[in-house]
Amino acid sequence: MSDERKLTGKHAAAIFIGAFGIIITVNLAMAYNAVSTFPGLTEKNPYVASQSFDDRRAAQEALGWQAEATLDDGYLVLALRGPAGEPVRPATLEAVVGRPTHVREDFVADLDFNGRDYVAPADLGEGYWTVRVEAEAADGTPFEKRLQLSVRG
């Protein structure tokens, strides 16, 4: 008498359903994690924001401001410069620091002007960070810039 087991239609169906069940479950889990960590939206209503994009860009370029973000000894240093390289003091200024791929680690930097640059304590881990700067000139012109910051370990 042989102890061999034969592959029946029921066994083949169970293997088939089990394999595809695992594949579908993993795909659904990865899709959920992708959407829940970064929805991909930067504007509440992108179409409406696009209607005034060219005008806002031209007004911002007319300011002639340049922005740069660096990390120096545990401090975020935000340099805002005018057309002649002079420090700029906008009417309002906010900088949101976070990872480019998710919002879990986002925080608003507590910026102080030191006479030349804006500095804020920042405990940033190794990797890539994004600094989203929103400022307003004295005449009401908005200034928006997304700066990349790389922190080496």
N, C-alpha and C. Protein backbone atom coordinates (compact mmCIF):
# COMPACT_ATOMS: atom_id res chain seq x y z
N MET A 1 0.83 -1.16 0.00
CA MET A 1 0.00 0.00 0.00
C MET A 1 0.89 1.25 0.00
N SER A 2 0.63 2.22 -0.85
CA SER A 2 1.46 3.42 -1.02
C SER A 2 0.90 4.58 -0.20
N ASP A 3 1.84 5.35 0.43
CA ASP A 3 1.43 6.52 1.21
C ASP A 3 1.48 7.81 0.38
N GLU A 4 1.58 7.67 -0.93
CA GLU A 4 1.63 8.85 -1.78
C GLU A 4 0.30 9.59 -1.74
N ARG A 5 0.43 10.92 -1.74
CA ARG A 5 -0.78 11.74 -1.80
C ARG A 5 -0.90 12.29 -3.20
N LYS A 6 -2.05 12.28 -3.71
CA LYS A 6 -2.29 12.76 -5.07
C LYS A 6 -2.78 14.20 -5.03
N LEU A 7 -2.35 14.97 -6.03
CA LEU A 7 -2.80 16.35 -6.17
C LEU A 7 -4.17 16.32 -6.85
N THR A 8 -5.16 16.71 -6.09
CA THR A 8 -6.52 16.70 -6.62
C THR A 8 -6.93 18.11 -7.01
N GLY A 9 -8.06 18.23 -7.61
CA GLY A 9 -8.59 19.54 -7.99
C GLY A 9 -8.82 20.43 -6.79
N LYS A 10 -9.23 19.84 -5.67
CA LYS A 10 -9.45 20.62 -4.44
C LYS A 10 -8.13 21.18 -3.93
N HIS A 11 -7.06 20.38 -3.99
CA HIS A 11 -5.75 20.86 -3.54
C HIS A 11 -5.26 22.00 -4.43
N ALA A 12 -5.40 21.83 -5.75
CA ALA A 12 -4.96 22.87 -6.70
C ALA A 12 -5.75 24.16 -6.48
N ALA A 13 -7.05 24.03 -6.25
CA ALA A 13 -7.87 25.23 -6.00
C ALA A 13 -7.46 25.92 -4.71
N ALA A 14 -7.16 25.15 -3.65
CA ALA A 14 -6.74 25.73 -2.38
C ALA A 14 -5.41 26.45 -2.53
N ILE A 15 -4.47 25.86 -3.27
CA ILE A 15 -3.17 26.50 -3.50
C ILE A 15 -3.37 27.79 -4.29
N PHE A 16 -4.17 27.72 -5.34
CA PHE A 16 -4.45 28.88 -6.19
C PHE A 16 -5.09 30.01 -5.38
N ILE A 17 -6.13 29.71 -4.65
CA ILE A 17 -6.83 30.72 -3.85
C ILE A 17 -5.93 31.27 -2.74
N GLY A 18 -5.16 30.42 -2.10
CA GLY A 18 -4.25 30.86 -1.04
C GLY A 18 -3.18 31.80 -1.56
N ALA A 19 -2.57 31.45 -2.69
CA ALA A 19 -1.50 32.29 -3.26
C ALA A 19 -2.04 33.66 -3.68
N PHE A 20 -3.15 33.67 -4.40
CA PHE A 20 -3.71 34.95 -4.82
C PHE A 20 -4.29 35.73 -3.64
N GLY A 21 -4.78 35.04 -2.64
CA GLY A 21 -5.26 35.72 -1.43
C GLY A 21 -4.14 36.47 -0.74
N ILE A 22 -2.96 35.84 -0.66
CA ILE A 22 -1.79 36.51 -0.05
C ILE A 22 -1.38 37.72 -0.88
N ILE A 23 -1.31 37.58 -2.19
CA ILE A 23 -0.92 38.67 -3.08
C ILE A 23 -1.88 39.85 -2.94
N ILE A 24 -3.17 39.58 -2.97
CA ILE A 24 -4.17 40.64 -2.88
C ILE A 24 -4.12 41.32 -1.51
N THR A 25 -3.95 40.55 -0.44
CA THR A 25 -3.86 41.12 0.91
C THR A 25 -2.65 42.04 1.03
N VAL A 26 -1.50 41.62 0.54
CA VAL A 26 -0.29 42.45 0.60
C VAL A 26 -0.48 43.73 -0.22
N ASN A 27 -1.06 43.62 -1.41
CA ASN A 27 -1.30 44.80 -2.24
C ASN A 27 -2.24 45.79 -1.57
N LEU A 28 -3.31 45.29 -0.97
CA LEU A 28 -4.25 46.18 -0.27
C LEU A 28 -3.59 46.86 0.92
N ALA A 29 -2.78 46.12 1.67
CA ALA A 29 -2.09 46.71 2.82
C ALA A 29 -1.11 47.79 2.37
N MET A 30 -0.38 47.54 1.31
CA MET A 30 0.58 48.53 0.82
C MET A 30 -0.12 49.76 0.25
N ALA A 31 -1.22 49.57 -0.44
CA ALA A 31 -1.98 50.71 -0.98
C ALA A 31 -2.54 51.55 0.16
N TYR A 32 -3.07 50.90 1.19
CA TYR A 32 -3.59 51.64 2.34
C TYR A 32 -2.49 52.44 3.01
N ASN A 33 -1.33 51.83 3.25
CA ASN A 33 -0.21 52.54 3.89
C ASN A 33 0.28 53.69 3.03
N ALA A 34 0.31 53.53 1.73
CA ALA A 34 0.76 54.61 0.85
C ALA A 34 -0.18 55.81 0.91
N VAL A 35 -1.46 55.57 0.87
CA VAL A 35 -2.43 56.67 0.88
C VAL A 35 -2.56 57.30 2.27
N SER A 36 -2.46 56.50 3.32
CA SER A 36 -2.65 57.07 4.66
C SER A 36 -1.44 57.86 5.14
N THR A 37 -0.24 57.57 4.63
CA THR A 37 0.95 58.31 5.08
C THR A 37 1.18 59.56 4.26
N PHE A 38 0.79 59.59 2.99
CA PHE A 38 0.96 60.78 2.16
C PHE A 38 -0.13 60.77 1.10
N PRO A 39 -1.18 61.56 1.28
CA PRO A 39 -2.29 61.54 0.35
C PRO A 39 -1.97 62.16 -1.00
N GLY A 40 -0.86 62.88 -1.11
CA GLY A 40 -0.48 63.46 -2.39
C GLY A 40 -1.05 64.83 -2.64
N LEU A 41 -1.89 65.33 -1.76
CA LEU A 41 -2.49 66.64 -1.96
C LEU A 41 -1.66 67.71 -1.26
N THR A 42 -1.36 68.78 -1.97
CA THR A 42 -0.69 69.92 -1.36
C THR A 42 -1.63 71.10 -1.26
N GLU A 43 -2.72 71.06 -1.97
CA GLU A 43 -3.74 72.11 -1.94
C GLU A 43 -5.10 71.47 -1.70
N LYS A 44 -5.96 72.17 -0.98
CA LYS A 44 -7.32 71.65 -0.76
C LYS A 44 -8.08 71.55 -2.08
N ASN A 45 -7.91 72.57 -2.95
CA ASN A 45 -8.57 72.57 -4.25
C ASN A 45 -7.55 72.98 -5.31
N PRO A 46 -6.82 72.02 -5.87
CA PRO A 46 -5.75 72.35 -6.82
C PRO A 46 -6.22 73.13 -8.04
N TYR A 47 -7.41 72.87 -8.52
CA TYR A 47 -7.89 73.59 -9.71
C TYR A 47 -8.03 75.07 -9.43
N VAL A 48 -8.64 75.43 -8.31
CA VAL A 48 -8.82 76.84 -7.96
C VAL A 48 -7.45 77.50 -7.75
N ALA A 49 -6.53 76.80 -7.09
CA ALA A 49 -5.19 77.36 -6.85
C ALA A 49 -4.46 77.59 -8.17
N SER A 50 -4.69 76.74 -9.16
CA SER A 50 -4.00 76.87 -10.44
C SER A 50 -4.44 78.10 -11.22
N GLN A 51 -5.64 78.59 -10.97
CA GLN A 51 -6.16 79.72 -11.73
C GLN A 51 -5.38 81.01 -11.49
N SER A 52 -4.76 81.14 -10.32
CA SER A 52 -4.00 82.36 -10.02
C SER A 52 -2.50 82.09 -9.91
N PHE A 53 -2.06 80.91 -10.34
CA PHE A 53 -0.66 80.54 -10.18
C PHE A 53 0.30 81.51 -10.88
N ASP A 54 0.05 81.82 -12.13
CA ASP A 54 0.97 82.69 -12.88
C ASP A 54 1.08 84.08 -12.26
N ASP A 55 -0.04 84.63 -11.81
CA ASP A 55 -0.02 85.96 -11.18
C ASP A 55 0.76 85.93 -9.86
N ARG A 56 0.53 84.88 -9.05
CA ARG A 56 1.25 84.77 -7.77
C ARG A 56 2.74 84.57 -8.00
N ARG A 57 3.09 83.75 -8.99
CA ARG A 57 4.50 83.52 -9.29
C ARG A 57 5.19 84.80 -9.75
N ALA A 58 4.55 85.57 -10.62
CA ALA A 58 5.14 86.82 -11.11
C ALA A 58 5.34 87.82 -9.96
N ALA A 59 4.36 87.91 -9.07
CA ALA A 59 4.48 88.83 -7.92
C ALA A 59 5.61 88.38 -7.00
N GLN A 60 5.74 87.07 -6.78
CA GLN A 60 6.81 86.56 -5.92
C GLN A 60 8.18 86.81 -6.56
N GLU A 61 8.29 86.57 -7.85
CA GLU A 61 9.56 86.80 -8.54
C GLU A 61 9.94 88.27 -8.53
N ALA A 62 8.95 89.18 -8.56
CA ALA A 62 9.23 90.61 -8.52
C ALA A 62 9.86 91.03 -7.19
N LEU A 63 9.58 90.28 -6.13
CA LEU A 63 10.21 90.57 -4.84
C LEU A 63 11.72 90.37 -4.91
N GLY A 64 12.16 89.39 -5.68
CA GLY A 64 13.59 89.10 -5.82
C GLY A 64 14.19 88.40 -4.61
N TRP A 65 13.36 87.79 -3.78
CA TRP A 65 13.85 87.12 -2.58
C TRP A 65 14.42 85.75 -2.92
N GLN A 66 15.45 85.36 -2.18
CA GLN A 66 16.02 84.03 -2.26
C GLN A 66 15.96 83.41 -0.87
N ALA A 67 15.72 82.12 -0.80
CA ALA A 67 15.64 81.43 0.49
C ALA A 67 16.54 80.20 0.46
N GLU A 68 17.15 79.92 1.61
CA GLU A 68 18.00 78.75 1.75
C GLU A 68 17.89 78.24 3.18
N ALA A 69 17.81 76.93 3.33
CA ALA A 69 17.72 76.31 4.65
C ALA A 69 18.91 75.40 4.88
N THR A 70 19.51 75.50 6.07
CA THR A 70 20.61 74.62 6.46
C THR A 70 20.40 74.19 7.91
N LEU A 71 21.11 73.17 8.31
CA LEU A 71 21.09 72.72 9.70
C LEU A 71 22.49 72.93 10.26
N ASP A 72 22.57 73.68 11.36
CA ASP A 72 23.87 74.01 11.95
C ASP A 72 23.82 73.77 13.45
N ASP A 73 24.49 72.71 13.90
CA ASP A 73 24.61 72.41 15.33
C ASP A 73 23.26 72.30 16.03
N GLY A 74 22.31 71.59 15.42
CA GLY A 74 21.00 71.40 16.03
C GLY A 74 20.05 72.57 15.84
N TYR A 75 20.40 73.51 14.98
CA TYR A 75 19.53 74.65 14.69
C TYR A 75 19.24 74.72 13.20
N LEU A 76 17.97 74.91 12.89
CA LEU A 76 17.56 75.18 11.52
C LEU A 76 17.90 76.64 11.25
N VAL A 77 18.61 76.89 10.17
CA VAL A 77 18.97 78.26 9.78
C VAL A 77 18.28 78.55 8.46
N LEU A 78 17.39 79.52 8.47
CA LEU A 78 16.67 79.93 7.27
C LEU A 78 17.18 81.29 6.86
N ALA A 79 17.83 81.35 5.70
CA ALA A 79 18.37 82.60 5.18
C ALA A 79 17.41 83.14 4.13
N LEU A 80 16.86 84.32 4.37
CA LEU A 80 16.01 85.02 3.41
C LEU A 80 16.78 86.25 2.97
N ARG A 81 17.03 86.36 1.68
CA ARG A 81 17.83 87.46 1.15
C ARG A 81 17.06 88.19 0.07
N GLY A 82 17.28 89.50 0.02
CA GLY A 82 16.69 90.34 -1.01
C GLY A 82 17.55 90.34 -2.25
N PRO A 83 17.20 91.16 -3.25
CA PRO A 83 17.91 91.17 -4.52
C PRO A 83 19.40 91.52 -4.38
N ALA A 84 19.76 92.34 -3.41
CA ALA A 84 21.16 92.74 -3.23
C ALA A 84 21.87 91.88 -2.20
N GLY A 85 21.24 90.80 -1.75
CA GLY A 85 21.85 89.91 -0.77
C GLY A 85 21.62 90.33 0.67
N GLU A 86 20.81 91.35 0.88
CA GLU A 86 20.53 91.84 2.23
C GLU A 86 19.49 90.95 2.91
N PRO A 87 19.57 90.82 4.25
CA PRO A 87 18.55 90.03 4.96
C PRO A 87 17.17 90.66 4.79
N VAL A 88 16.18 89.82 4.66
CA VAL A 88 14.79 90.27 4.48
C VAL A 88 14.03 90.05 5.77
N ARG A 89 13.22 91.04 6.16
CA ARG A 89 12.34 90.92 7.33
C ARG A 89 10.89 90.99 6.85
N PRO A 90 10.28 89.85 6.54
CA PRO A 90 8.90 89.87 6.05
C PRO A 90 7.92 90.24 7.17
N ALA A 91 6.73 90.66 6.75
CA ALA A 91 5.68 91.00 7.72
C ALA A 91 5.25 89.77 8.49
N THR A 92 5.14 88.64 7.82
CA THR A 92 4.84 87.36 8.48
C THR A 92 5.76 86.29 7.91
N LEU A 93 6.05 85.30 8.74
CA LEU A 93 6.92 84.21 8.30
C LEU A 93 6.57 82.95 9.06
N GLU A 94 6.43 81.86 8.32
CA GLU A 94 6.20 80.55 8.93
C GLU A 94 6.96 79.51 8.14
N ALA A 95 7.57 78.58 8.85
CA ALA A 95 8.29 77.48 8.20
C ALA A 95 7.84 76.17 8.81
N VAL A 96 7.34 75.28 7.98
CA VAL A 96 6.93 73.95 8.41
C VAL A 96 8.00 72.97 7.93
N VAL A 97 8.55 72.22 8.86
CA VAL A 97 9.62 71.28 8.57
C VAL A 97 9.04 69.87 8.65
N GLY A 98 9.36 69.05 7.67
CA GLY A 98 8.86 67.67 7.69
C GLY A 98 9.54 66.83 6.64
N ARG A 99 9.21 65.58 6.65
CA ARG A 99 9.73 64.65 5.65
C ARG A 99 8.95 64.86 4.35
N PRO A 100 9.60 64.63 3.20
CA PRO A 100 8.87 64.81 1.94
C PRO A 100 7.84 63.73 1.66
N THR A 101 7.90 62.59 2.37
CA THR A 101 7.02 61.47 2.04
C THR A 101 5.85 61.27 2.99
N HIS A 102 5.85 61.90 4.15
CA HIS A 102 4.73 61.75 5.07
C HIS A 102 4.67 62.97 5.98
N VAL A 103 3.59 63.09 6.75
CA VAL A 103 3.39 64.26 7.60
C VAL A 103 3.52 63.95 9.08
N ARG A 104 3.89 62.73 9.44
CA ARG A 104 3.97 62.34 10.85
C ARG A 104 4.95 63.18 11.65
N GLU A 105 6.07 63.57 11.04
CA GLU A 105 7.11 64.29 11.76
C GLU A 105 7.08 65.80 11.51
N ASP A 106 6.05 66.30 10.85
CA ASP A 106 5.96 67.73 10.56
C ASP A 106 5.86 68.56 11.83
N PHE A 107 6.52 69.72 11.83
CA PHE A 107 6.39 70.67 12.93
C PHE A 107 6.64 72.08 12.39
N VAL A 108 6.06 73.05 13.08
CA VAL A 108 6.26 74.45 12.74
C VAL A 108 7.49 74.94 13.50
N ALA A 109 8.48 75.42 12.77
CA ALA A 109 9.72 75.89 13.39
C ALA A 109 9.48 77.19 14.13
N ASP A 110 10.01 77.30 15.34
CA ASP A 110 9.89 78.50 16.17
C ASP A 110 11.05 79.43 15.82
N LEU A 111 10.88 80.22 14.75
CA LEU A 111 11.97 81.02 14.19
C LEU A 111 12.20 82.32 14.96
N ASP A 112 13.47 82.63 15.18
CA ASP A 112 13.90 83.91 15.77
C ASP A 112 14.90 84.54 14.83
N PHE A 113 14.81 85.87 14.64
CA PHE A 113 15.75 86.59 13.78
C PHE A 113 16.98 86.96 14.59
N ASN A 114 18.17 86.59 14.10
CA ASN A 114 19.41 86.87 14.83
C ASN A 114 20.20 88.05 14.25
N GLY A 115 19.56 88.85 13.42
CA GLY A 115 20.22 89.98 12.78
C GLY A 115 20.60 89.70 11.34
N ARG A 116 20.69 88.44 10.99
CA ARG A 116 21.03 88.06 9.61
C ARG A 116 20.12 86.95 9.08
N ASP A 117 19.87 85.94 9.92
CA ASP A 117 19.08 84.78 9.51
C ASP A 117 18.01 84.49 10.55
N TYR A 118 17.10 83.60 10.17
CA TYR A 118 16.09 83.10 11.10
C TYR A 118 16.57 81.74 11.58
N VAL A 119 16.59 81.54 12.89
CA VAL A 119 17.07 80.28 13.46
C VAL A 119 16.01 79.70 14.39
N ALA A 120 16.01 78.37 14.45
CA ALA A 120 15.09 77.66 15.34
C ALA A 120 15.73 76.34 15.73
N PRO A 121 15.55 75.94 17.00
CA PRO A 121 16.07 74.62 17.38
C PRO A 121 15.33 73.54 16.58
N ALA A 122 16.09 72.57 16.11
CA ALA A 122 15.48 71.50 15.30
C ALA A 122 16.27 70.22 15.49
N ASP A 123 15.60 69.22 16.03
CA ASP A 123 16.20 67.90 16.23
C ASP A 123 15.79 67.04 15.04
N LEU A 124 16.57 67.13 13.96
CA LEU A 124 16.23 66.42 12.73
C LEU A 124 17.07 65.16 12.61
N GLY A 125 16.40 64.07 12.36
CA GLY A 125 17.11 62.81 12.14
C GLY A 125 17.76 62.78 10.78
N GLU A 126 18.53 61.76 10.55
CA GLU A 126 19.24 61.60 9.28
C GLU A 126 18.25 61.42 8.14
N GLY A 127 18.60 61.98 6.99
CA GLY A 127 17.79 61.80 5.80
C GLY A 127 17.37 63.11 5.18
N TYR A 128 16.36 63.04 4.33
CA TYR A 128 15.87 64.21 3.60
C TYR A 128 14.70 64.85 4.33
N TRP A 129 14.70 66.17 4.35
CA TRP A 129 13.65 66.97 4.97
C TRP A 129 13.22 68.05 3.99
N THR A 130 12.00 68.52 4.17
CA THR A 130 11.48 69.61 3.37
C THR A 130 11.11 70.75 4.32
N VAL A 131 11.49 71.97 3.95
CA VAL A 131 11.14 73.16 4.71
C VAL A 131 10.20 73.97 3.82
N ARG A 132 8.94 74.06 4.23
CA ARG A 132 7.94 74.81 3.47
C ARG A 132 7.82 76.20 4.09
N VAL A 133 8.29 77.19 3.36
CA VAL A 133 8.33 78.57 3.85
C VAL A 133 7.15 79.34 3.28
N GLU A 134 6.43 80.01 4.16
CA GLU A 134 5.37 80.92 3.74
C GLU A 134 5.61 82.25 4.44
N ALA A 135 5.74 83.30 3.64
CA ALA A 135 5.99 84.63 4.18
C ALA A 135 5.13 85.63 3.43
N GLU A 136 5.07 86.83 3.99
CA GLU A 136 4.34 87.90 3.34
C GLU A 136 5.16 89.16 3.44
N ALA A 137 5.36 89.81 2.30
CA ALA A 137 6.11 91.07 2.27
C ALA A 137 5.28 92.17 2.91
N ALA A 138 5.93 93.29 3.20
CA ALA A 138 5.24 94.41 3.83
C ALA A 138 4.09 94.92 2.98
N ASP A 139 4.20 94.77 1.65
CA ASP A 139 3.12 95.23 0.76
C ASP A 139 2.03 94.19 0.57
N GLY A 140 2.13 93.05 1.26
CA GLY A 140 1.10 92.02 1.19
C GLY A 140 1.37 90.93 0.17
N THR A 141 2.47 91.02 -0.55
CA THR A 141 2.80 90.00 -1.55
C THR A 141 3.20 88.71 -0.86
N PRO A 142 2.54 87.60 -1.20
CA PRO A 142 2.90 86.32 -0.58
C PRO A 142 4.19 85.75 -1.19
N PHE A 143 4.95 85.06 -0.36
CA PHE A 143 6.18 84.38 -0.78
C PHE A 143 6.08 82.95 -0.28
N GLU A 144 6.19 81.99 -1.19
CA GLU A 144 6.12 80.58 -0.84
C GLU A 144 7.31 79.87 -1.48
N LYS A 145 7.96 79.05 -0.69
CA LYS A 145 9.11 78.31 -1.21
C LYS A 145 9.20 76.98 -0.50
N ARG A 146 9.52 75.95 -1.23
CA ARG A 146 9.75 74.62 -0.67
C ARG A 146 11.23 74.32 -0.82
N LEU A 147 11.90 74.18 0.30
CA LEU A 147 13.35 73.98 0.32
C LEU A 147 13.68 72.55 0.73
N GLN A 148 14.70 71.98 0.12
CA GLN A 148 15.15 70.64 0.46
C GLN A 148 16.33 70.74 1.41
N LEU A 149 16.35 69.85 2.39
CA LEU A 149 17.42 69.83 3.38
C LEU A 149 17.85 68.38 3.59
N SER A 150 19.14 68.12 3.42
CA SER A 150 19.68 66.79 3.61
C SER A 150 20.51 66.75 4.88
N VAL A 151 20.17 65.83 5.79
CA VAL A 151 20.89 65.70 7.05
C VAL A 151 21.67 64.41 7.01
N ARG A 152 22.96 64.53 7.17
CA ARG A 152 23.83 63.35 7.20
C ARG A 152 24.03 62.90 8.65
N GLY A 153 24.14 61.59 8.83
CA GLY A 153 24.28 61.03 10.16
C GLY A 153 25.66 61.01 10.71
